[in-house]
Each structure stands twice: as structure tokens, then as C-alpha cells.
C-alpha atoms as a PDB file:
ATOM      1  CA  ARG A   1     -30.715  61.950  -3.098  1.00  0.00           C
ATOM      2  CA  GLY A   2     -31.942  59.992  -0.075  1.00  0.00           C
ATOM      3  CA  SER A   3     -31.261  56.676  -1.795  1.00  0.00           C
ATOM      4  CA  ASN A   4     -27.592  57.671  -2.246  1.00  0.00           C
ATOM      5  CA  ILE A   5     -27.122  59.036   1.262  1.00  0.00           C
ATOM      6  CA  GLY A   6     -29.524  56.720   3.059  1.00  0.00           C
ATOM      7  CA  TYR A   7     -33.090  57.380   4.098  1.00  0.00           C
ATOM      8  CA  GLN A   8     -32.219  57.166   7.795  1.00  0.00           C
ATOM      9  CA  LYS A   9     -29.548  59.849   7.516  1.00  0.00           C
ATOM     10  CA  THR A  10     -31.792  62.004   5.356  1.00  0.00           C
ATOM     11  CA  LEU A  11     -34.589  61.720   7.917  1.00  0.00           C
ATOM     12  CA  ALA A  12     -32.317  62.579  10.849  1.00  0.00           C
ATOM     13  CA  VAL A  13     -30.684  65.521   9.061  1.00  0.00           C
ATOM     14  CA  SER A  14     -34.047  66.823   7.811  1.00  0.00           C
ATOM     15  CA  LEU A  15     -35.519  66.725  11.317  1.00  0.00           C
ATOM     16  CA  ILE A  16     -32.487  68.505  12.770  1.00  0.00           C
ATOM     17  CA  LEU A  17     -32.511  71.162  10.037  1.00  0.00           C
ATOM     18  CA  SER A  18     -36.269  71.599  10.491  1.00  0.00           C
ATOM     19  CA  GLY A  19     -35.637  72.335  14.152  1.00  0.00           C
ATOM     20  CA  VAL A  20     -32.893  74.793  13.260  1.00  0.00           C
ATOM     21  CA  MET A  21     -35.163  76.505  10.692  1.00  0.00           C
ATOM     22  CA  ASN A  22     -37.739  77.216  13.421  1.00  0.00           C
ATOM     23  CA  ILE A  23     -35.281  79.434  15.289  1.00  0.00           C
ATOM     24  CA  PRO A  24     -35.160  82.276  12.723  1.00  0.00           C
ATOM     25  CA  GLN A  25     -38.968  82.086  12.404  1.00  0.00           C
ATOM     26  CA  MET A  26     -39.159  82.673  16.138  1.00  0.00           C
ATOM     27  CA  LEU A  27     -36.742  85.616  16.074  1.00  0.00           C
ATOM     28  CA  THR A  28     -37.952  87.618  13.078  1.00  0.00           C
ATOM     29  CA  ASN A  29     -40.360  90.544  13.328  1.00  0.00           C
ATOM     30  CA  ASN A  30     -40.623  91.112   9.569  1.00  0.00           C
ATOM     31  CA  ILE A  31     -43.368  89.358   7.580  1.00  0.00           C
ATOM     32  CA  VAL A  32     -41.197  89.071   4.443  1.00  0.00           C
ATOM     33  CA  SER A  33     -38.305  87.411   6.259  1.00  0.00           C
ATOM     34  CA  PHE A  34     -40.784  85.227   8.159  1.00  0.00           C
ATOM     35  CA  GLY A  35     -42.261  84.104   4.828  1.00  0.00           C
ATOM     36  CA  LEU A  36     -38.790  83.326   3.482  1.00  0.00           C
ATOM     37  CA  PHE A  37     -37.844  81.317   6.587  1.00  0.00           C
ATOM     38  CA  ARG A  38     -41.190  79.507   6.453  1.00  0.00           C
ATOM     39  CA  PHE A  39     -40.572  78.608   2.798  1.00  0.00           C
ATOM     40  CA  LEU A  40     -37.090  77.260   3.608  1.00  0.00           C
ATOM     41  CA  TYR A  41     -38.524  75.320   6.536  1.00  0.00           C
ATOM     42  CA  GLY A  42     -41.069  73.760   4.164  1.00  0.00           C
ATOM     43  CA  LEU A  43     -38.303  72.608   1.831  1.00  0.00           C
ATOM     44  CA  VAL A  44     -36.404  70.986   4.682  1.00  0.00           C
ATOM     45  CA  TRP A  45     -39.573  69.470   6.161  1.00  0.00           C
ATOM     46  CA  ALA A  46     -40.369  67.909   2.771  1.00  0.00           C
ATOM     47  CA  GLY A  47     -37.110  65.964   3.082  1.00  0.00           C
ATOM     48  CA  ALA A  48     -38.298  64.507   6.384  1.00  0.00           C
ATOM     49  CA  GLN A  49     -41.688  63.547   4.937  1.00  0.00           C
ATOM     50  CA  ILE A  50     -40.216  61.913   1.844  1.00  0.00           C
ATOM     51  CA  SER A  51     -37.598  60.044   3.881  1.00  0.00           C
ATOM     52  CA  GLN A  52     -40.239  58.732   6.267  1.00  0.00           C
ATOM     53  CA  GLU A  53     -42.383  57.504   3.385  1.00  0.00           C
ATOM     54  CA  SER A  54     -39.379  55.968   1.640  1.00  0.00           C
ATOM     55  CA  LEU A  55     -38.362  54.162   4.818  1.00  0.00           C
ATOM     56  CA  THR A  56     -41.886  52.809   5.151  1.00  0.00           C
ATOM     57  CA  ALA A  57     -41.886  51.642   1.539  1.00  0.00           C
ATOM     58  CA  THR A  58     -38.500  49.929   1.808  1.00  0.00           C
ATOM     59  CA  THR A  59     -38.699  48.398   5.289  1.00  0.00           C
ATOM     60  CA  VAL A  60     -42.308  47.282   5.716  1.00  0.00           C
ATOM     61  CA  GLU A  61     -43.385  43.914   4.319  1.00  0.00           C
ATOM     62  CA  ARG A  62     -45.264  44.181   1.052  1.00  0.00           C
ATOM     63  CA  ASP A  63     -48.500  42.731   2.517  1.00  0.00           C
ATOM     64  CA  PHE A  64     -48.533  45.319   5.323  1.00  0.00           C
ATOM     65  CA  ARG A  65     -47.390  48.343   3.303  1.00  0.00           C
ATOM     66  CA  GLY A  66     -50.850  49.753   2.550  1.00  0.00           C
ATOM     67  CA  ARG A  67     -51.859  49.518   6.201  1.00  0.00           C
ATOM     68  CA  ALA A  68     -48.554  51.102   7.283  1.00  0.00           C
ATOM     69  CA  PHE A  69     -49.094  54.050   4.940  1.00  0.00           C
ATOM     70  CA  GLY A  70     -52.681  54.357   6.190  1.00  0.00           C
ATOM     71  CA  ILE A  71     -51.522  54.447   9.823  1.00  0.00           C
ATOM     72  CA  SER A  72     -48.839  56.987   8.954  1.00  0.00           C
ATOM     73  CA  GLN A  73     -51.302  59.243   7.131  1.00  0.00           C
ATOM     74  CA  SER A  74     -53.814  58.956   9.980  1.00  0.00           C
ATOM     75  CA  PHE A  75     -51.254  60.142  12.499  1.00  0.00           C
ATOM     76  CA  GLN A  76     -50.133  62.956  10.192  1.00  0.00           C
ATOM     77  CA  GLN A  77     -53.736  64.144   9.915  1.00  0.00           C
ATOM     78  CA  LEU A  78     -54.192  63.806  13.674  1.00  0.00           C
ATOM     79  CA  GLY A  79     -51.107  65.973  14.125  1.00  0.00           C
ATOM     80  CA  SER A  80     -52.540  68.511  11.680  1.00  0.00           C
ATOM     81  CA  VAL A  81     -55.517  68.892  13.997  1.00  0.00           C
ATOM     82  CA  ILE A  82     -53.851  68.620  17.416  1.00  0.00           C
ATOM     83  CA  GLY A  83     -50.783  70.727  16.505  1.00  0.00           C
ATOM     84  CA  PRO A  84     -52.648  73.983  15.878  1.00  0.00           C
ATOM     85  CA  LEU A  85     -54.811  73.421  18.960  1.00  0.00           C
ATOM     86  CA  ILE A  86     -51.772  73.029  21.198  1.00  0.00           C
ATOM     87  CA  GLY A  87     -50.000  75.858  19.348  1.00  0.00           C
ATOM     88  CA  GLY A  88     -52.971  78.144  19.934  1.00  0.00           C
ATOM     89  CA  LEU A  89     -53.029  77.317  23.653  1.00  0.00           C
ATOM     90  CA  LEU A  90     -49.271  77.883  23.951  1.00  0.00           C
ATOM     91  CA  SER A  91     -49.462  81.115  21.996  1.00  0.00           C
ATOM     92  CA  THR A  92     -52.265  82.421  24.187  1.00  0.00           C
ATOM     93  CA  ALA A  93     -50.447  81.510  27.383  1.00  0.00           C
ATOM     94  CA  PHE A  94     -46.826  82.320  26.492  1.00  0.00           C
ATOM     95  CA  GLY A  95     -46.793  84.242  23.186  1.00  0.00           C
ATOM     96  CA  ILE A  96     -46.344  83.147  19.586  1.00  0.00           C
ATOM     97  CA  LYS A  97     -42.565  82.747  19.900  1.00  0.00           C
ATOM     98  CA  SER A  98     -43.080  79.908  22.383  1.00  0.00           C
ATOM     99  CA  VAL A  99     -44.717  77.830  19.647  1.00  0.00           C
ATOM    100  CA  PHE A 100     -41.638  78.086  17.435  1.00  0.00           C
ATOM    101  CA  ALA A 101     -39.328  77.463  20.393  1.00  0.00           C
ATOM    102  CA  LEU A 102     -41.171  74.286  21.404  1.00  0.00           C
ATOM    103  CA  THR A 103     -41.307  73.101  17.799  1.00  0.00           C
ATOM    104  CA  ALA A 104     -37.574  73.732  17.358  1.00  0.00           C
ATOM    105  CA  VAL A 105     -36.678  71.866  20.554  1.00  0.00           C
ATOM    106  CA  SER A 106     -39.011  68.975  19.667  1.00  0.00           C
ATOM    107  CA  LEU A 107     -37.676  68.588  16.122  1.00  0.00           C
ATOM    108  CA  LEU A 108     -34.063  68.787  17.286  1.00  0.00           C
ATOM    109  CA  ALA A 109     -34.744  66.153  19.954  1.00  0.00           C
ATOM    110  CA  PHE A 110     -36.481  63.883  17.442  1.00  0.00           C
ATOM    111  CA  GLY A 111     -33.712  64.360  14.878  1.00  0.00           C
ATOM    112  CA  PHE A 112     -30.939  63.497  17.309  1.00  0.00           C
ATOM    113  CA  GLY A 113     -33.091  60.695  18.733  1.00  0.00           C
ATOM    114  CA  VAL A 114     -33.613  59.168  15.280  1.00  0.00           C
ATOM    115  CA  ARG A 115     -29.898  59.486  14.609  1.00  0.00           C
ATOM    116  CA  ARG A 116     -29.062  57.685  17.845  1.00  0.00           C
ATOM    117  CA  LEU A 117     -31.859  55.105  17.568  1.00  0.00           C
ATOM    118  CA  LEU A 118     -30.852  54.111  14.051  1.00  0.00           C
ATOM    119  CA  GLY A 119     -27.190  53.924  15.008  1.00  0.00           C
ATOM    120  CA  ILE A 120     -26.026  56.485  12.476  1.00  0.00           C
ATOM    121  CA  PRO A 121     -22.274  56.911  12.983  1.00  0.00           C
ATOM    122  CA  GLU A 122     -20.977  60.201  14.386  1.00  0.00           C
ATOM    123  CA  THR A 123     -19.258  60.752  11.055  1.00  0.00           C
ATOM    124  CA  ALA A 124     -22.520  60.620   9.082  1.00  0.00           C
ATOM    125  CA  GLY A 125     -21.885  61.687   5.521  1.00  0.00           C
ATOM    126  CA  VAL A 126     -18.164  60.888   5.699  1.00  0.00           C
ATOM    127  CA  ALA A 127     -16.834  57.646   4.292  1.00  0.00           C
ATOM    128  CA  VAL A 128     -16.147  55.311   7.209  1.00  0.00           C
ATOM    129  CA  PRO A 129     -14.299  52.001   6.858  1.00  0.00           C
ATOM    130  CA  GLU A 130     -16.783  49.120   6.679  1.00  0.00           C
ATOM    131  CA  THR A 131     -15.384  47.445   9.800  1.00  0.00           C
ATOM    132  CA  GLU A 132     -15.884  50.637  11.811  1.00  0.00           C
ATOM    133  CA  VAL A 133     -19.440  51.024  10.533  1.00  0.00           C
ATOM    134  CA  ARG A 134     -20.285  47.426  11.458  1.00  0.00           C
ATOM    135  CA  ALA A 135     -18.841  47.960  14.925  1.00  0.00           C
ATOM    136  CA  GLN A 136     -21.312  50.811  15.374  1.00  0.00           C
ATOM    137  CA  GLY A 137     -24.249  48.582  14.472  1.00  0.00           C
ATOM    138  CA  VAL A 138     -25.004  49.719  10.935  1.00  0.00           C
ATOM    139  CA  GLY A 139     -25.723  46.931   8.461  1.00  0.00           C
ATOM    140  CA  GLN A 140     -23.797  45.998   5.334  1.00  0.00           C
ATOM    141  CA  GLU A 141     -26.231  47.849   3.046  1.00  0.00           C
ATOM    142  CA  GLU A 142     -25.607  51.162   4.805  1.00  0.00           C
ATOM    143  CA  ALA A 143     -21.833  50.586   4.722  1.00  0.00           C
ATOM    144  CA  THR A 144     -21.782  50.118   0.964  1.00  0.00           C
ATOM    145  CA  ILE A 145     -23.835  53.270   0.452  1.00  0.00           C
ATOM    146  CA  GLU A 146     -21.005  55.199   2.112  1.00  0.00           C
ATOM    147  CA  SER A 147     -18.438  54.249  -0.531  1.00  0.00           C
ATOM    148  CA  PRO A 148     -18.397  56.436  -3.673  1.00  0.00           C
ATOM    149  CA  GLU A 149     -17.708  53.405  -5.857  1.00  0.00           C
ATOM    150  CA  SER A 150     -21.030  51.800  -4.933  1.00  0.00           C
ATOM    151  CA  CYS A 151     -22.966  54.995  -5.670  1.00  0.00           C
ATOM    152  CA  GLY A 152     -21.772  55.080  -9.235  1.00  0.00           C
ATOM    153  CA  THR A 153     -20.426  58.601  -8.780  1.00  0.00           C
ATOM    154  CA  GLU A 154     -16.881  57.804  -9.817  1.00  0.00           C
ATOM    155  CA  GLY A 155     -16.210  59.495 -13.120  1.00  0.00           C
ATOM    156  CA  SER A 156     -19.788  60.794 -13.419  1.00  0.00           C
ATOM    157  CA  GLY A 157     -18.802  64.405 -12.782  1.00  0.00           C
ATOM    158  CA  ARG A 158     -20.791  64.772  -9.560  1.00  0.00           C
END
């Protein structure tokens, strides 16, 4: 789906939704609902991971791609170690809900930051005339992805 919508948009939306999905995790007191919210968060977070990897694969020069993936994986593993350490310190000092609150705020900030940094139009997901898209700094490739004709969806029943 990311190739139809655009990996940048998918990444931004996935980060924003990941932030939003941390809010119910913070507010629930029931283990079953927490598990459900955690599962949904995982689905949304997978969209961010896949979009990031797809962006790396499509934007990095072929000769540097392996190194780029290695750097990306190294930082993901570093985050897997540092995240729980910081989360444990925050939880001890301010309670477990503070971990979800900080994560939600961070993911929302990153999502909106990615959206702004990549110049995704305010009307992301809505067909925008090509001239308007170019005026906002998005390249020709992104503009053609917006039109249903270029996606091959016309008459396909989608």
C-alpha cells in the first residue's frame, strides 16, 4: 500500500498513529484491553518500520544500500537497549503512565516533523493539482502518485 500512497506519507501517518495508539495504553487499567491496544500499536508501528526500510531501499544509492541498512539496524538495536533503560528510570521516578505519555508525545512530534520535513502537503491523501503540489516542494513522482489514473485503480474495483 505504501508504494501507492507514498512511503513518506505512510511513514508520517504511521508515526502519528503510533503516537495516538500510546494514549489508550496509558489510560487503561485492564490487562485485556492493554493487550489489545498493544497489538494495534504493533500493527501501526510495523507500517513505520516497513516505510522506513522501503525509503532506504528506494532512495539510497545501490553501492551504499547495505551499509545504510546496517546503520539503520544498529540504531534500532541501540534503541531496543536504551529505550527500556530510560523507560525503567521514568517509570520508577514518575510511574508507568509517564513512559506511554513520553512515547506518545515523541512519536507525534516525529510524525509531524517527518511530514513537515518531507514537505507533505496539508491535504495528504487527497488528490491535489500537480501545480499546487510542485509549489509545495513535492517532486513530480509524488504528484503522479496522487492521481488515481497513475495508480492503475481506475476500473479495478478498488
